[in-house]
Every structure is written in structure tokens, then in C-alpha cells.
Amino acid sequence: MLDEFYDTPVSIDGLKNGRWILLDYAEIMVHIFIPEARTYYRLEKLWADIENN
């Protein structure tokens, strides 16, 4: 799957576990969650709280 991307990430973390995969492209970070992990971490809420301050 990752070989289909145009650029190769600087680093990749979480492939073994597979619940939360992090692709580091230096200027952009891509987070890929299974639905349960996405609900648990609620990153959208975290960013919304920062924007409201």
C-alpha cells in the first residue's frame, strides 16, 4: 500500500500494531487510525479546543 504514494515518508511508526500508523513526511504528518483508536484519541476535539483559545 505505501509504495503507491508519490513520496516516501521520512519515517513510519505503528505498522506492527496497526491501530495508529504515523507517516512522517517532514512537513506533513499523516495519522491513520482504526475507528476505535480514532474515537479514543479524538484529535479533532483536541485541535478544536486549541483553535477556540
PDB file of N, CA and C in Angstrom:
ATOM      1  N   MET A   1       0.815  -1.187   0.000  1.00  0.00           N
ATOM      2  CA  MET A   1       0.000   0.000   0.000  1.00  0.00           C
ATOM      3  C   MET A   1       0.864   1.258   0.000  1.00  0.00           C
ATOM      4  N   LEU A   2       1.873   1.338   0.882  1.00  0.00           N
ATOM      5  CA  LEU A   2       2.668   2.556   0.992  1.00  0.00           C
ATOM      6  C   LEU A   2       3.476   2.843  -0.254  1.00  0.00           C
ATOM      7  N   ASP A   3       3.762   1.838  -1.063  1.00  0.00           N
ATOM      8  CA  ASP A   3       4.525   2.077  -2.281  1.00  0.00           C
ATOM      9  C   ASP A   3       3.694   2.790  -3.345  1.00  0.00           C
ATOM     10  N   GLU A   4       2.398   2.977  -3.126  1.00  0.00           N
ATOM     11  CA  GLU A   4       1.545   3.696  -4.064  1.00  0.00           C
ATOM     12  C   GLU A   4       1.627   5.215  -3.887  1.00  0.00           C
ATOM     13  N   PHE A   5       2.208   5.679  -2.785  1.00  0.00           N
ATOM     14  CA  PHE A   5       2.350   7.111  -2.552  1.00  0.00           C
ATOM     15  C   PHE A   5       3.450   7.671  -3.440  1.00  0.00           C
ATOM     16  N   TYR A   6       3.322   8.933  -3.776  1.00  0.00           N
ATOM     17  CA  TYR A   6       4.298   9.599  -4.637  1.00  0.00           C
ATOM     18  C   TYR A   6       5.632   9.769  -3.926  1.00  0.00           C
ATOM     19  N   ASP A   7       5.618  10.266  -2.703  1.00  0.00           N
ATOM     20  CA  ASP A   7       6.833  10.484  -1.924  1.00  0.00           C
ATOM     21  C   ASP A   7       6.972   9.418  -0.854  1.00  0.00           C
ATOM     22  N   THR A   8       8.213   9.120  -0.507  1.00  0.00           N
ATOM     23  CA  THR A   8       8.491   8.168   0.558  1.00  0.00           C
ATOM     24  C   THR A   8       8.570   8.931   1.877  1.00  0.00           C
ATOM     25  N   PRO A   9       7.901   8.450   2.919  1.00  0.00           N
ATOM     26  CA  PRO A   9       7.956   9.144   4.213  1.00  0.00           C
ATOM     27  C   PRO A   9       9.367   9.134   4.796  1.00  0.00           C
ATOM     28  N   VAL A  10       9.668  10.143   5.600  1.00  0.00           N
ATOM     29  CA  VAL A  10      10.933  10.198   6.322  1.00  0.00           C
ATOM     30  C   VAL A  10      10.978   9.061   7.329  1.00  0.00           C
ATOM     31  N   SER A  11       9.846   8.822   8.005  1.00  0.00           N
ATOM     32  CA  SER A  11       9.745   7.701   8.935  1.00  0.00           C
ATOM     33  C   SER A  11       8.295   7.222   9.010  1.00  0.00           C
ATOM     34  N   ILE A  12       8.162   5.979   9.436  1.00  0.00           N
ATOM     35  CA  ILE A  12       6.849   5.350   9.600  1.00  0.00           C
ATOM     36  C   ILE A  12       6.846   4.670  10.954  1.00  0.00           C
ATOM     37  N   ASP A  13       5.760   4.848  11.693  1.00  0.00           N
ATOM     38  CA  ASP A  13       5.651   4.215  13.005  1.00  0.00           C
ATOM     39  C   ASP A  13       4.270   3.598  13.138  1.00  0.00           C
ATOM     40  N   GLY A  14       4.190   2.459  13.809  1.00  0.00           N
ATOM     41  CA  GLY A  14       2.911   1.849  14.129  1.00  0.00           C
ATOM     42  C   GLY A  14       2.451   0.760  13.185  1.00  0.00           C
ATOM     43  N   LEU A  15       3.247   0.389  12.197  1.00  0.00           N
ATOM     44  CA  LEU A  15       2.800  -0.638  11.252  1.00  0.00           C
ATOM     45  C   LEU A  15       2.603  -2.006  11.910  1.00  0.00           C
ATOM     46  N   LYS A  16       3.451  -2.334  12.899  1.00  0.00           N
ATOM     47  CA  LYS A  16       3.314  -3.630  13.583  1.00  0.00           C
ATOM     48  C   LYS A  16       1.981  -3.746  14.290  1.00  0.00           C
ATOM     49  N   ASN A  17       1.666  -2.725  15.089  1.00  0.00           N
ATOM     50  CA  ASN A  17       0.432  -2.733  15.873  1.00  0.00           C
ATOM     51  C   ASN A  17      -0.772  -2.494  14.978  1.00  0.00           C
ATOM     52  N   GLY A  18      -0.682  -1.488  14.116  1.00  0.00           N
ATOM     53  CA  GLY A  18      -1.743  -1.217  13.158  1.00  0.00           C
ATOM     54  C   GLY A  18      -2.937  -0.446  13.689  1.00  0.00           C
ATOM     55  N   ARG A  19      -2.928  -0.062  14.949  1.00  0.00           N
ATOM     56  CA  ARG A  19      -4.050   0.707  15.497  1.00  0.00           C
ATOM     57  C   ARG A  19      -3.928   2.187  15.139  1.00  0.00           C
ATOM     58  N   TRP A  20      -2.687   2.683  15.128  1.00  0.00           N
ATOM     59  CA  TRP A  20      -2.425   4.077  14.804  1.00  0.00           C
ATOM     60  C   TRP A  20      -1.108   4.102  14.031  1.00  0.00           C
ATOM     61  N   ILE A  21      -1.182   4.406  12.770  1.00  0.00           N
ATOM     62  CA  ILE A  21       0.007   4.461  11.927  1.00  0.00           C
ATOM     63  C   ILE A  21       0.337   5.926  11.673  1.00  0.00           C
ATOM     64  N   LEU A  22       1.593   6.268  11.841  1.00  0.00           N
ATOM     65  CA  LEU A  22       2.059   7.630  11.645  1.00  0.00           C
ATOM     66  C   LEU A  22       3.043   7.657  10.484  1.00  0.00           C
ATOM     67  N   LEU A  23       2.755   8.484   9.480  1.00  0.00           N
ATOM     68  CA  LEU A  23       3.648   8.686   8.348  1.00  0.00           C
ATOM     69  C   LEU A  23       4.212  10.094   8.461  1.00  0.00           C
ATOM     70  N   ASP A  24       5.521  10.186   8.570  1.00  0.00           N
ATOM     71  CA  ASP A  24       6.186  11.477   8.736  1.00  0.00           C
ATOM     72  C   ASP A  24       6.814  11.875   7.402  1.00  0.00           C
ATOM     73  N   TYR A  25       6.276  12.935   6.806  1.00  0.00           N
ATOM     74  CA  TYR A  25       6.799  13.459   5.553  1.00  0.00           C
ATOM     75  C   TYR A  25       7.570  14.767   5.784  1.00  0.00           C
ATOM     76  N   ALA A  26       8.112  14.962   6.976  1.00  0.00           N
ATOM     77  CA  ALA A  26       8.889  16.127   7.399  1.00  0.00           C
ATOM     78  C   ALA A  26       7.990  17.354   7.562  1.00  0.00           C
ATOM     79  N   GLU A  27       7.344  17.820   6.522  1.00  0.00           N
ATOM     80  CA  GLU A  27       6.479  18.995   6.627  1.00  0.00           C
ATOM     81  C   GLU A  27       5.028  18.626   6.919  1.00  0.00           C
ATOM     82  N   ILE A  28       4.683  17.378   6.700  1.00  0.00           N
ATOM     83  CA  ILE A  28       3.309  16.911   6.913  1.00  0.00           C
ATOM     84  C   ILE A  28       3.358  15.588   7.665  1.00  0.00           C
ATOM     85  N   MET A  29       2.490  15.461   8.664  1.00  0.00           N
ATOM     86  CA  MET A  29       2.344  14.207   9.396  1.00  0.00           C
ATOM     87  C   MET A  29       0.976  13.625   9.052  1.00  0.00           C
ATOM     88  N   VAL A  30       0.942  12.352   8.699  1.00  0.00           N
ATOM     89  CA  VAL A  30      -0.311  11.681   8.358  1.00  0.00           C
ATOM     90  C   VAL A  30      -0.592  10.646   9.447  1.00  0.00           C
ATOM     91  N   HIS A  31      -1.777  10.746  10.055  1.00  0.00           N
ATOM     92  CA  HIS A  31      -2.202   9.808  11.088  1.00  0.00           C
ATOM     93  C   HIS A  31      -3.289   8.918  10.495  1.00  0.00           C
ATOM     94  N   ILE A  32      -3.119   7.606  10.626  1.00  0.00           N
ATOM     95  CA  ILE A  32      -4.114   6.658  10.146  1.00  0.00           C
ATOM     96  C   ILE A  32      -4.538   5.808  11.341  1.00  0.00           C
ATOM     97  N   PHE A  33      -5.825   5.864  11.672  1.00  0.00           N
ATOM     98  CA  PHE A  33      -6.350   5.159  12.842  1.00  0.00           C
ATOM     99  C   PHE A  33      -7.350   4.086  12.433  1.00  0.00           C
ATOM    100  N   ILE A  34      -7.459   3.049  13.273  1.00  0.00           N
ATOM    101  CA  ILE A  34      -8.643   2.207  13.185  1.00  0.00           C
ATOM    102  C   ILE A  34      -9.753   3.002  13.876  1.00  0.00           C
ATOM    103  N   PRO A  35     -11.013   2.745  13.568  1.00  0.00           N
ATOM    104  CA  PRO A  35     -12.100   3.560  14.132  1.00  0.00           C
ATOM    105  C   PRO A  35     -12.085   3.666  15.660  1.00  0.00           C
ATOM    106  N   GLU A  36     -11.778   2.591  16.365  1.00  0.00           N
ATOM    107  CA  GLU A  36     -11.788   2.622  17.828  1.00  0.00           C
ATOM    108  C   GLU A  36     -10.705   3.561  18.364  1.00  0.00           C
ATOM    109  N   ALA A  37      -9.529   3.547  17.766  1.00  0.00           N
ATOM    110  CA  ALA A  37      -8.444   4.425  18.216  1.00  0.00           C
ATOM    111  C   ALA A  37      -8.772   5.878  17.898  1.00  0.00           C
ATOM    112  N   ARG A  38      -9.391   6.124  16.773  1.00  0.00           N
ATOM    113  CA  ARG A  38      -9.758   7.499  16.416  1.00  0.00           C
ATOM    114  C   ARG A  38     -10.761   8.068  17.427  1.00  0.00           C
ATOM    115  N   THR A  39     -11.723   7.254  17.816  1.00  0.00           N
ATOM    116  CA  THR A  39     -12.701   7.674  18.820  1.00  0.00           C
ATOM    117  C   THR A  39     -12.019   7.908  20.167  1.00  0.00           C
ATOM    118  N   TYR A  40     -11.101   7.046  20.540  1.00  0.00           N
ATOM    119  CA  TYR A  40     -10.418   7.159  21.826  1.00  0.00           C
ATOM    120  C   TYR A  40      -9.575   8.436  21.915  1.00  0.00           C
ATOM    121  N   TYR A  41      -8.777   8.726  20.904  1.00  0.00           N
ATOM    122  CA  TYR A  41      -7.858   9.868  20.954  1.00  0.00           C
ATOM    123  C   TYR A  41      -8.516  11.204  20.615  1.00  0.00           C
ATOM    124  N   ARG A  42      -9.584  11.202  19.828  1.00  0.00           N
ATOM    125  CA  ARG A  42     -10.354  12.403  19.483  1.00  0.00           C
ATOM    126  C   ARG A  42      -9.463  13.594  19.126  1.00  0.00           C
ATOM    127  N   LEU A  43      -8.565  13.426  18.186  1.00  0.00           N
ATOM    128  CA  LEU A  43      -7.656  14.500  17.794  1.00  0.00           C
ATOM    129  C   LEU A  43      -8.391  15.721  17.269  1.00  0.00           C
ATOM    130  N   GLU A  44      -9.518  15.509  16.601  1.00  0.00           N
ATOM    131  CA  GLU A  44     -10.283  16.644  16.093  1.00  0.00           C
ATOM    132  C   GLU A  44     -10.728  17.552  17.240  1.00  0.00           C
ATOM    133  N   LYS A  45     -11.130  16.958  18.360  1.00  0.00           N
ATOM    134  CA  LYS A  45     -11.537  17.747  19.518  1.00  0.00           C
ATOM    135  C   LYS A  45     -10.336  18.474  20.109  1.00  0.00           C
ATOM    136  N   LEU A  46      -9.210  17.815  20.170  1.00  0.00           N
ATOM    137  CA  LEU A  46      -8.005  18.444  20.682  1.00  0.00           C
ATOM    138  C   LEU A  46      -7.669  19.695  19.885  1.00  0.00           C
ATOM    139  N   TRP A  47      -7.702  19.600  18.559  1.00  0.00           N
ATOM    140  CA  TRP A  47      -7.398  20.766  17.717  1.00  0.00           C
ATOM    141  C   TRP A  47      -8.493  21.825  17.835  1.00  0.00           C
ATOM    142  N   ALA A  48      -9.733  21.429  17.959  1.00  0.00           N
ATOM    143  CA  ALA A  48     -10.822  22.389  18.111  1.00  0.00           C
ATOM    144  C   ALA A  48     -10.655  23.182  19.407  1.00  0.00           C
ATOM    145  N   ASP A  49     -10.233  22.519  20.472  1.00  0.00           N
ATOM    146  CA  ASP A  49     -10.002  23.202  21.746  1.00  0.00           C
ATOM    147  C   ASP A  49      -8.887  24.230  21.621  1.00  0.00           C
ATOM    148  N   ILE A  50      -7.838  23.921  20.877  1.00  0.00           N
ATOM    149  CA  ILE A  50      -6.731  24.853  20.685  1.00  0.00           C
ATOM    150  C   ILE A  50      -7.187  26.051  19.876  1.00  0.00           C
ATOM    151  N   GLU A  51      -7.959  25.838  18.820  1.00  0.00           N
ATOM    152  CA  GLU A  51      -8.429  26.924  17.960  1.00  0.00           C
ATOM    153  C   GLU A  51      -9.363  27.879  18.699  1.00  0.00           C
ATOM    154  N   ASN A  52     -10.086  27.383  19.702  1.00  0.00           N
ATOM    155  CA  ASN A  52     -11.034  28.218  20.445  1.00  0.00           C
ATOM    156  C   ASN A  52     -10.355  29.065  21.520  1.00  0.00           C
ATOM    157  N   ASN A  53      -9.086  28.843  21.776  1.00  0.00           N
ATOM    158  CA  ASN A  53      -8.368  29.624  22.800  1.00  0.00           C
ATOM    159  C   ASN A  53      -7.640  30.788  22.204  1.00  0.00           C
TER     160      ASN A  53
END
